[in-house]
């Protein structure tokens, strides 16, 4: 009787010890199960990306013909010329802006500076600009063998951040900017809580990498912030016949 009572717990303990490796192996197998790290919902929306066209969820701002998304900076009709699928600056006519207001966006813009450059140099050669929220300028300029101050050449955040490289094509050739813009944030009291940030690819080459802006674009003096909300995109008229085409935007 005594020996039986002693042997039975020993047998039970031996059985548990024998089972322990099996339990440990099962737990290890579960931890290595690839399904444990699979996330199925929510399912990302499908965006069609036809070659040479805007994504299906983009807002087309200029398709080569229709300028209804734009107005003169003074209000009213767009004063620039439309021909051969391009929208071209008329010197002295003022800039244009979108009727719609934007904050965080992905923006695609194609642009071309005049082929004839004789008699023009520096900031007088193919000058224009893309202003995010009407206040922050990404410079458009013929920077192909055309020396100027580095924070004023093509791909610069004007007077703030020079581009990482000069990716400019020859005058008369079409070029492209692909832009990710994060708008600045302000508190209810008007204080800056988050500065504007921009990433830019110029002809597919990274020239601004999550660049933090110090404030609105200023021609003279240091940049600074004043509270504002979403605002139009603005294309600058700067006495040069710069052309634009294939402009679209995705709200982020």
C-alpha atoms as a PDB file:
ATOM      1  CA  UNK A   1       0.000   0.000   0.000  1.00  0.00           C
ATOM      2  CA  UNK A   2       2.770   2.369   0.960  1.00  0.00           C
ATOM      3  CA  UNK A   3       4.830   1.588  -2.149  1.00  0.00           C
ATOM      4  CA  UNK A   4       1.806   2.133  -4.417  1.00  0.00           C
ATOM      5  CA  UNK A   5       1.170   5.600  -2.955  1.00  0.00           C
ATOM      6  CA  UNK A   6       4.757   6.589  -3.604  1.00  0.00           C
ATOM      7  CA  UNK A   7       4.978   5.167  -7.134  1.00  0.00           C
ATOM      8  CA  UNK A   8       1.719   6.813  -8.365  1.00  0.00           C
ATOM      9  CA  UNK A   9       2.880  10.490  -7.836  1.00  0.00           C
ATOM     10  CA  UNK A  10       6.203   9.593  -9.407  1.00  0.00           C
ATOM     11  CA  UNK A  11       4.432   8.256 -12.468  1.00  0.00           C
ATOM     12  CA  UNK A  12       2.217  11.349 -12.686  1.00  0.00           C
ATOM     13  CA  UNK A  13       5.242  13.668 -12.388  1.00  0.00           C
ATOM     14  CA  UNK A  14       7.078  11.690 -15.017  1.00  0.00           C
ATOM     15  CA  UNK A  15       4.101  12.029 -17.337  1.00  0.00           C
ATOM     16  CA  UNK A  16       3.977  15.807 -16.852  1.00  0.00           C
ATOM     17  CA  UNK A  17       7.688  16.100 -17.531  1.00  0.00           C
ATOM     18  CA  UNK A  18       7.258  14.070 -20.675  1.00  0.00           C
ATOM     19  CA  UNK A  19       4.382  16.317 -21.822  1.00  0.00           C
ATOM     20  CA  UNK A  20       6.186  19.606 -21.076  1.00  0.00           C
ATOM     21  CA  UNK A  21       8.416  19.535 -24.178  1.00  0.00           C
ATOM     22  CA  UNK A  22       5.329  18.918 -26.314  1.00  0.00           C
ATOM     23  CA  UNK A  23       3.548  21.960 -24.804  1.00  0.00           C
ATOM     24  CA  UNK A  24       6.669  24.109 -25.277  1.00  0.00           C
ATOM     25  CA  UNK A  25       6.994  22.991 -28.875  1.00  0.00           C
ATOM     26  CA  UNK A  26       3.332  23.803 -29.535  1.00  0.00           C
ATOM     27  CA  UNK A  27       3.753  27.330 -28.108  1.00  0.00           C
ATOM     28  CA  UNK A  28       6.897  27.885 -30.160  1.00  0.00           C
ATOM     29  CA  UNK A  29       5.129  26.732 -33.332  1.00  0.00           C
ATOM     30  CA  UNK A  30       2.260  29.142 -32.636  1.00  0.00           C
ATOM     31  CA  UNK A  31       4.703  32.019 -32.150  1.00  0.00           C
ATOM     32  CA  UNK A  32       6.263  31.213 -35.536  1.00  0.00           C
ATOM     33  CA  UNK A  33       2.899  31.113 -37.296  1.00  0.00           C
ATOM     34  CA  UNK A  34       3.023  33.803 -40.021  1.00  0.00           C
ATOM     35  CA  UNK A  35      -0.719  34.394 -39.646  1.00  0.00           C
ATOM     36  CA  UNK A  36      -0.117  35.990 -36.239  1.00  0.00           C
ATOM     37  CA  UNK A  37       1.327  39.062 -37.998  1.00  0.00           C
ATOM     38  CA  UNK A  38      -1.147  39.254 -40.899  1.00  0.00           C
ATOM     39  CA  UNK A  39      -3.578  42.199 -40.870  1.00  0.00           C
ATOM     40  CA  UNK A  40      -6.557  41.863 -43.214  1.00  0.00           C
ATOM     41  CA  UNK A  41      -8.701  44.863 -42.310  1.00  0.00           C
ATOM     42  CA  UNK A  42      -9.270  47.630 -43.085  1.00  0.00           C
ATOM     43  CA  UNK A  43      -8.658  46.983 -46.773  1.00  0.00           C
ATOM     44  CA  UNK A  44      -6.876  49.912 -48.534  1.00  0.00           C
ATOM     45  CA  UNK A  45      -8.923  51.615 -51.230  1.00  0.00           C
ATOM     46  CA  UNK A  46      -8.049  50.728 -54.810  1.00  0.00           C
ATOM     47  CA  UNK A  47      -6.483  53.573 -56.833  1.00  0.00           C
ATOM     48  CA  UNK A  48      -6.112  53.096 -60.577  1.00  0.00           C
ATOM     49  CA  UNK A  49      -2.850  54.422 -62.012  1.00  0.00           C
ATOM     50  CA  UNK A  50      -3.137  54.547 -65.815  1.00  0.00           C
ATOM     51  CA  UNK A  51       0.165  55.332 -67.529  1.00  0.00           C
ATOM     52  CA  UNK A  52       0.599  59.023 -68.284  1.00  0.00           C
ATOM     53  CA  UNK A  53      -2.612  60.019 -66.516  1.00  0.00           C
ATOM     54  CA  UNK A  54      -3.636  61.197 -63.075  1.00  0.00           C
ATOM     55  CA  UNK A  55      -4.499  58.575 -60.426  1.00  0.00           C
ATOM     56  CA  UNK A  56      -8.189  57.763 -60.216  1.00  0.00           C
ATOM     57  CA  UNK A  57      -8.608  59.531 -56.869  1.00  0.00           C
ATOM     58  CA  UNK A  58      -6.814  62.722 -57.965  1.00  0.00           C
ATOM     59  CA  UNK A  59      -8.336  66.127 -58.595  1.00  0.00           C
ATOM     60  CA  UNK A  60      -7.270  67.148 -62.093  1.00  0.00           C
ATOM     61  CA  UNK A  61      -6.441  70.845 -62.043  1.00  0.00           C
ATOM     62  CA  UNK A  62      -5.321  71.172 -65.665  1.00  0.00           C
ATOM     63  CA  UNK A  63      -5.677  68.527 -68.379  1.00  0.00           C
ATOM     64  CA  UNK A  64      -4.408  70.587 -71.291  1.00  0.00           C
ATOM     65  CA  UNK A  65      -7.706  72.319 -72.044  1.00  0.00           C
ATOM     66  CA  UNK A  66      -9.912  72.988 -69.042  1.00  0.00           C
ATOM     67  CA  UNK A  67      -8.896  75.850 -66.709  1.00  0.00           C
ATOM     68  CA  UNK A  68     -12.163  75.988 -64.768  1.00  0.00           C
ATOM     69  CA  UNK A  69     -10.275  74.979 -61.602  1.00  0.00           C
ATOM     70  CA  UNK A  70      -8.311  78.240 -61.769  1.00  0.00           C
ATOM     71  CA  UNK A  71      -8.835  81.977 -61.581  1.00  0.00           C
ATOM     72  CA  UNK A  72      -6.693  85.086 -61.813  1.00  0.00           C
ATOM     73  CA  UNK A  73      -5.052  86.137 -58.546  1.00  0.00           C
ATOM     74  CA  UNK A  74      -7.267  89.210 -58.838  1.00  0.00           C
ATOM     75  CA  UNK A  75     -10.356  87.090 -59.442  1.00  0.00           C
ATOM     76  CA  UNK A  76     -12.034  86.364 -62.755  1.00  0.00           C
ATOM     77  CA  UNK A  77     -10.865  84.423 -65.790  1.00  0.00           C
ATOM     78  CA  UNK A  78      -7.389  82.977 -66.230  1.00  0.00           C
ATOM     79  CA  UNK A  79      -5.311  85.490 -68.247  1.00  0.00           C
ATOM     80  CA  UNK A  80      -2.701  82.995 -69.525  1.00  0.00           C
ATOM     81  CA  UNK A  81      -2.580  81.349 -72.963  1.00  0.00           C
ATOM     82  CA  UNK A  82      -3.727  77.794 -73.653  1.00  0.00           C
ATOM     83  CA  UNK A  83      -2.232  76.031 -76.679  1.00  0.00           C
ATOM     84  CA  UNK A  84      -0.993  72.533 -77.540  1.00  0.00           C
ATOM     85  CA  UNK A  85      -2.027  71.170 -74.159  1.00  0.00           C
ATOM     86  CA  UNK A  86      -0.040  73.752 -72.204  1.00  0.00           C
ATOM     87  CA  UNK A  87      -0.949  76.738 -70.038  1.00  0.00           C
ATOM     88  CA  UNK A  88       1.608  79.504 -70.619  1.00  0.00           C
ATOM     89  CA  UNK A  89       2.303  82.623 -68.597  1.00  0.00           C
ATOM     90  CA  UNK A  90       1.493  85.951 -70.248  1.00  0.00           C
ATOM     91  CA  UNK A  91       4.069  88.403 -68.871  1.00  0.00           C
ATOM     92  CA  UNK A  92       2.459  91.258 -66.981  1.00  0.00           C
ATOM     93  CA  UNK A  93      -0.848  89.438 -66.543  1.00  0.00           C
ATOM     94  CA  UNK A  94      -0.432  88.407 -62.855  1.00  0.00           C
ATOM     95  CA  UNK A  95      -0.476  84.905 -61.402  1.00  0.00           C
ATOM     96  CA  UNK A  96      -3.276  82.374 -61.123  1.00  0.00           C
ATOM     97  CA  UNK A  97      -4.647  80.354 -58.216  1.00  0.00           C
ATOM     98  CA  UNK A  98      -6.939  77.386 -57.735  1.00  0.00           C
ATOM     99  CA  UNK A  99     -10.532  78.009 -56.754  1.00  0.00           C
ATOM    100  CA  UNK A 100     -10.308  75.106 -54.315  1.00  0.00           C
ATOM    101  CA  UNK A 101      -8.378  75.387 -51.057  1.00  0.00           C
ATOM    102  CA  UNK A 102      -5.939  72.694 -49.936  1.00  0.00           C
ATOM    103  CA  UNK A 103      -3.953  71.638 -46.861  1.00  0.00           C
ATOM    104  CA  UNK A 104      -1.969  68.352 -46.948  1.00  0.00           C
ATOM    105  CA  UNK A 105      -1.518  67.185 -50.539  1.00  0.00           C
ATOM    106  CA  UNK A 106       0.370  65.167 -53.099  1.00  0.00           C
ATOM    107  CA  UNK A 107       0.901  67.410 -56.119  1.00  0.00           C
ATOM    108  CA  UNK A 108       2.138  66.673 -59.618  1.00  0.00           C
ATOM    109  CA  UNK A 109       3.101  69.564 -61.909  1.00  0.00           C
ATOM    110  CA  UNK A 110       4.902  69.549 -65.251  1.00  0.00           C
ATOM    111  CA  UNK A 111       6.580  72.746 -66.414  1.00  0.00           C
ATOM    112  CA  UNK A 112       8.774  74.114 -69.204  1.00  0.00           C
ATOM    113  CA  UNK A 113      10.942  77.210 -69.423  1.00  0.00           C
ATOM    114  CA  UNK A 114      11.406  79.080 -72.750  1.00  0.00           C
ATOM    115  CA  UNK A 115      13.814  77.529 -75.220  1.00  0.00           C
ATOM    116  CA  UNK A 116      15.339  80.880 -76.164  1.00  0.00           C
ATOM    117  CA  UNK A 117      17.675  82.084 -73.415  1.00  0.00           C
ATOM    118  CA  UNK A 118      19.850  84.662 -75.152  1.00  0.00           C
ATOM    119  CA  UNK A 119      19.974  87.859 -73.139  1.00  0.00           C
ATOM    120  CA  UNK A 120      18.595  86.226 -70.001  1.00  0.00           C
ATOM    121  CA  UNK A 121      20.519  84.885 -67.023  1.00  0.00           C
ATOM    122  CA  UNK A 122      20.158  84.158 -63.327  1.00  0.00           C
ATOM    123  CA  UNK A 123      16.727  84.893 -61.892  1.00  0.00           C
ATOM    124  CA  UNK A 124      15.611  86.440 -65.195  1.00  0.00           C
ATOM    125  CA  UNK A 125      15.720  83.128 -67.053  1.00  0.00           C
ATOM    126  CA  UNK A 126      12.504  81.103 -66.945  1.00  0.00           C
ATOM    127  CA  UNK A 127      11.347  82.358 -63.553  1.00  0.00           C
ATOM    128  CA  UNK A 128       8.053  81.281 -62.009  1.00  0.00           C
ATOM    129  CA  UNK A 129       7.019  79.526 -58.832  1.00  0.00           C
ATOM    130  CA  UNK A 130       4.553  77.114 -57.281  1.00  0.00           C
ATOM    131  CA  UNK A 131       3.171  78.477 -54.028  1.00  0.00           C
ATOM    132  CA  UNK A 132       1.669  75.965 -51.604  1.00  0.00           C
ATOM    133  CA  UNK A 133      -1.223  77.537 -49.699  1.00  0.00           C
ATOM    134  CA  UNK A 134      -0.348  80.772 -51.575  1.00  0.00           C
ATOM    135  CA  UNK A 135       2.475  81.417 -49.087  1.00  0.00           C
ATOM    136  CA  UNK A 136       5.327  78.921 -49.516  1.00  0.00           C
ATOM    137  CA  UNK A 137       7.239  78.920 -52.807  1.00  0.00           C
ATOM    138  CA  UNK A 138       8.840  76.001 -54.603  1.00  0.00           C
ATOM    139  CA  UNK A 139      10.986  77.743 -57.191  1.00  0.00           C
ATOM    140  CA  UNK A 140      10.563  77.221 -60.920  1.00  0.00           C
ATOM    141  CA  UNK A 141      13.569  78.446 -62.888  1.00  0.00           C
ATOM    142  CA  UNK A 142      15.782  77.546 -65.832  1.00  0.00           C
ATOM    143  CA  UNK A 143      18.724  76.232 -63.805  1.00  0.00           C
ATOM    144  CA  UNK A 144      20.424  74.441 -66.688  1.00  0.00           C
ATOM    145  CA  UNK A 145      23.948  75.926 -66.796  1.00  0.00           C
ATOM    146  CA  UNK A 146      22.534  79.115 -65.310  1.00  0.00           C
ATOM    147  CA  UNK A 147      24.299  80.179 -62.084  1.00  0.00           C
ATOM    148  CA  UNK A 148      22.280  81.930 -59.386  1.00  0.00           C
ATOM    149  CA  UNK A 149      22.056  81.800 -55.602  1.00  0.00           C
ATOM    150  CA  UNK A 150      21.602  78.166 -54.552  1.00  0.00           C
ATOM    151  CA  UNK A 151      18.471  78.744 -52.469  1.00  0.00           C
ATOM    152  CA  UNK A 152      16.861  80.414 -55.473  1.00  0.00           C
ATOM    153  CA  UNK A 153      17.493  77.824 -58.184  1.00  0.00           C
ATOM    154  CA  UNK A 154      14.986  75.273 -59.475  1.00  0.00           C
ATOM    155  CA  UNK A 155      13.961  72.823 -56.782  1.00  0.00           C
ATOM    156  CA  UNK A 156      14.683  75.226 -53.949  1.00  0.00           C
ATOM    157  CA  UNK A 157      12.276  76.386 -51.288  1.00  0.00           C
ATOM    158  CA  UNK A 158      12.840  79.978 -52.254  1.00  0.00           C
ATOM    159  CA  UNK A 159      15.310  81.795 -49.989  1.00  0.00           C
ATOM    160  CA  UNK A 160      15.112  78.929 -47.445  1.00  0.00           C
ATOM    161  CA  UNK A 161      16.376  75.541 -48.654  1.00  0.00           C
ATOM    162  CA  UNK A 162      18.600  74.758 -51.618  1.00  0.00           C
ATOM    163  CA  UNK A 163      17.924  71.492 -53.492  1.00  0.00           C
ATOM    164  CA  UNK A 164      20.111  68.474 -52.762  1.00  0.00           C
ATOM    165  CA  UNK A 165      21.127  68.344 -56.444  1.00  0.00           C
ATOM    166  CA  UNK A 166      20.446  70.225 -59.667  1.00  0.00           C
ATOM    167  CA  UNK A 167      18.222  67.875 -61.690  1.00  0.00           C
ATOM    168  CA  UNK A 168      17.308  70.455 -64.345  1.00  0.00           C
ATOM    169  CA  UNK A 169      16.771  69.637 -68.002  1.00  0.00           C
ATOM    170  CA  UNK A 170      17.670  71.933 -70.869  1.00  0.00           C
ATOM    171  CA  UNK A 171      15.469  74.958 -71.572  1.00  0.00           C
ATOM    172  CA  UNK A 172      12.476  74.090 -73.731  1.00  0.00           C
ATOM    173  CA  UNK A 173      12.226  70.554 -72.319  1.00  0.00           C
ATOM    174  CA  UNK A 174       9.347  69.478 -70.103  1.00  0.00           C
ATOM    175  CA  UNK A 175      10.199  68.853 -66.455  1.00  0.00           C
ATOM    176  CA  UNK A 176       8.188  67.517 -63.518  1.00  0.00           C
ATOM    177  CA  UNK A 177       7.778  68.132 -59.825  1.00  0.00           C
ATOM    178  CA  UNK A 178       6.215  65.534 -57.564  1.00  0.00           C
ATOM    179  CA  UNK A 179       5.487  67.095 -54.197  1.00  0.00           C
ATOM    180  CA  UNK A 180       4.337  65.887 -50.793  1.00  0.00           C
ATOM    181  CA  UNK A 181       3.170  68.856 -48.740  1.00  0.00           C
ATOM    182  CA  UNK A 182       2.320  68.809 -45.046  1.00  0.00           C
ATOM    183  CA  UNK A 183       0.614  72.048 -44.037  1.00  0.00           C
ATOM    184  CA  UNK A 184       1.595  73.881 -40.861  1.00  0.00           C
ATOM    185  CA  UNK A 185      -0.654  73.553 -37.806  1.00  0.00           C
ATOM    186  CA  UNK A 186      -1.630  76.306 -35.421  1.00  0.00           C
ATOM    187  CA  UNK A 187      -3.230  76.300 -31.992  1.00  0.00           C
ATOM    188  CA  UNK A 188      -6.564  78.007 -31.318  1.00  0.00           C
ATOM    189  CA  UNK A 189      -4.565  80.893 -29.920  1.00  0.00           C
ATOM    190  CA  UNK A 190      -2.614  81.215 -33.193  1.00  0.00           C
ATOM    191  CA  UNK A 191       0.663  79.673 -32.037  1.00  0.00           C
ATOM    192  CA  UNK A 192       2.605  77.340 -34.319  1.00  0.00           C
ATOM    193  CA  UNK A 193       2.215  73.728 -33.201  1.00  0.00           C
ATOM    194  CA  UNK A 194       3.768  72.038 -36.263  1.00  0.00           C
ATOM    195  CA  UNK A 195       5.760  73.699 -39.092  1.00  0.00           C
ATOM    196  CA  UNK A 196       5.179  73.043 -42.785  1.00  0.00           C
ATOM    197  CA  UNK A 197       7.174  70.189 -44.341  1.00  0.00           C
ATOM    198  CA  UNK A 198       7.842  69.364 -47.975  1.00  0.00           C
ATOM    199  CA  UNK A 199       9.315  66.523 -50.016  1.00  0.00           C
ATOM    200  CA  UNK A 200      10.049  67.160 -53.712  1.00  0.00           C
ATOM    201  CA  UNK A 201      11.181  64.965 -56.577  1.00  0.00           C
ATOM    202  CA  UNK A 202      12.475  66.922 -59.574  1.00  0.00           C
ATOM    203  CA  UNK A 203      12.383  64.798 -62.716  1.00  0.00           C
ATOM    204  CA  UNK A 204      12.244  61.740 -60.462  1.00  0.00           C
ATOM    205  CA  UNK A 205      15.233  62.838 -58.355  1.00  0.00           C
ATOM    206  CA  UNK A 206      14.843  63.674 -54.654  1.00  0.00           C
ATOM    207  CA  UNK A 207      15.750  67.345 -54.110  1.00  0.00           C
ATOM    208  CA  UNK A 208      13.844  68.162 -50.889  1.00  0.00           C
ATOM    209  CA  UNK A 209      13.665  65.439 -48.251  1.00  0.00           C
ATOM    210  CA  UNK A 210      10.986  66.199 -45.642  1.00  0.00           C
ATOM    211  CA  UNK A 211      12.327  69.747 -45.444  1.00  0.00           C
ATOM    212  CA  UNK A 212      11.016  71.824 -42.538  1.00  0.00           C
ATOM    213  CA  UNK A 213      10.046  75.368 -43.508  1.00  0.00           C
ATOM    214  CA  UNK A 214      10.866  78.303 -41.262  1.00  0.00           C
ATOM    215  CA  UNK A 215       7.813  80.215 -42.438  1.00  0.00           C
ATOM    216  CA  UNK A 216       6.240  81.880 -45.442  1.00  0.00           C
ATOM    217  CA  UNK A 217       8.353  82.867 -48.447  1.00  0.00           C
ATOM    218  CA  UNK A 218       9.886  86.328 -48.203  1.00  0.00           C
ATOM    219  CA  UNK A 219      11.914  88.104 -50.883  1.00  0.00           C
ATOM    220  CA  UNK A 220      13.520  90.335 -48.244  1.00  0.00           C
ATOM    221  CA  UNK A 221      14.042  89.341 -44.636  1.00  0.00           C
ATOM    222  CA  UNK A 222      13.628  86.180 -42.597  1.00  0.00           C
ATOM    223  CA  UNK A 223      10.610  83.871 -42.995  1.00  0.00           C
ATOM    224  CA  UNK A 224       8.039  83.635 -40.233  1.00  0.00           C
ATOM    225  CA  UNK A 225       4.613  82.117 -39.578  1.00  0.00           C
ATOM    226  CA  UNK A 226       1.198  83.688 -39.172  1.00  0.00           C
ATOM    227  CA  UNK A 227      -1.839  81.490 -38.484  1.00  0.00           C
ATOM    228  CA  UNK A 228      -3.912  80.476 -41.515  1.00  0.00           C
ATOM    229  CA  UNK A 229      -6.070  77.643 -42.794  1.00  0.00           C
ATOM    230  CA  UNK A 230      -6.234  75.716 -46.044  1.00  0.00           C
ATOM    231  CA  UNK A 231      -5.601  77.913 -49.077  1.00  0.00           C
ATOM    232  CA  UNK A 232      -5.299  77.781 -52.882  1.00  0.00           C
ATOM    233  CA  UNK A 233      -2.323  76.672 -54.920  1.00  0.00           C
ATOM    234  CA  UNK A 234      -0.782  79.610 -56.747  1.00  0.00           C
ATOM    235  CA  UNK A 235       1.311  79.754 -59.941  1.00  0.00           C
ATOM    236  CA  UNK A 236       3.487  82.821 -60.220  1.00  0.00           C
ATOM    237  CA  UNK A 237       3.806  85.178 -63.185  1.00  0.00           C
ATOM    238  CA  UNK A 238       7.374  86.518 -63.145  1.00  0.00           C
ATOM    239  CA  UNK A 239       7.835  88.119 -66.583  1.00  0.00           C
ATOM    240  CA  UNK A 240       8.758  84.853 -68.286  1.00  0.00           C
ATOM    241  CA  UNK A 241       6.743  82.646 -70.627  1.00  0.00           C
ATOM    242  CA  UNK A 242       6.889  79.512 -68.471  1.00  0.00           C
ATOM    243  CA  UNK A 243       4.409  76.786 -69.435  1.00  0.00           C
ATOM    244  CA  UNK A 244       2.536  74.258 -67.287  1.00  0.00           C
ATOM    245  CA  UNK A 245       0.638  71.057 -68.050  1.00  0.00           C
ATOM    246  CA  UNK A 246      -0.678  67.847 -66.477  1.00  0.00           C
ATOM    247  CA  UNK A 247      -1.415  69.298 -63.041  1.00  0.00           C
ATOM    248  CA  UNK A 248      -3.187  67.096 -60.506  1.00  0.00           C
ATOM    249  CA  UNK A 249      -3.479  66.864 -56.763  1.00  0.00           C
ATOM    250  CA  UNK A 250      -4.450  64.233 -54.194  1.00  0.00           C
ATOM    251  CA  UNK A 251      -5.692  65.377 -50.807  1.00  0.00           C
ATOM    252  CA  UNK A 252      -3.951  63.493 -48.005  1.00  0.00           C
END
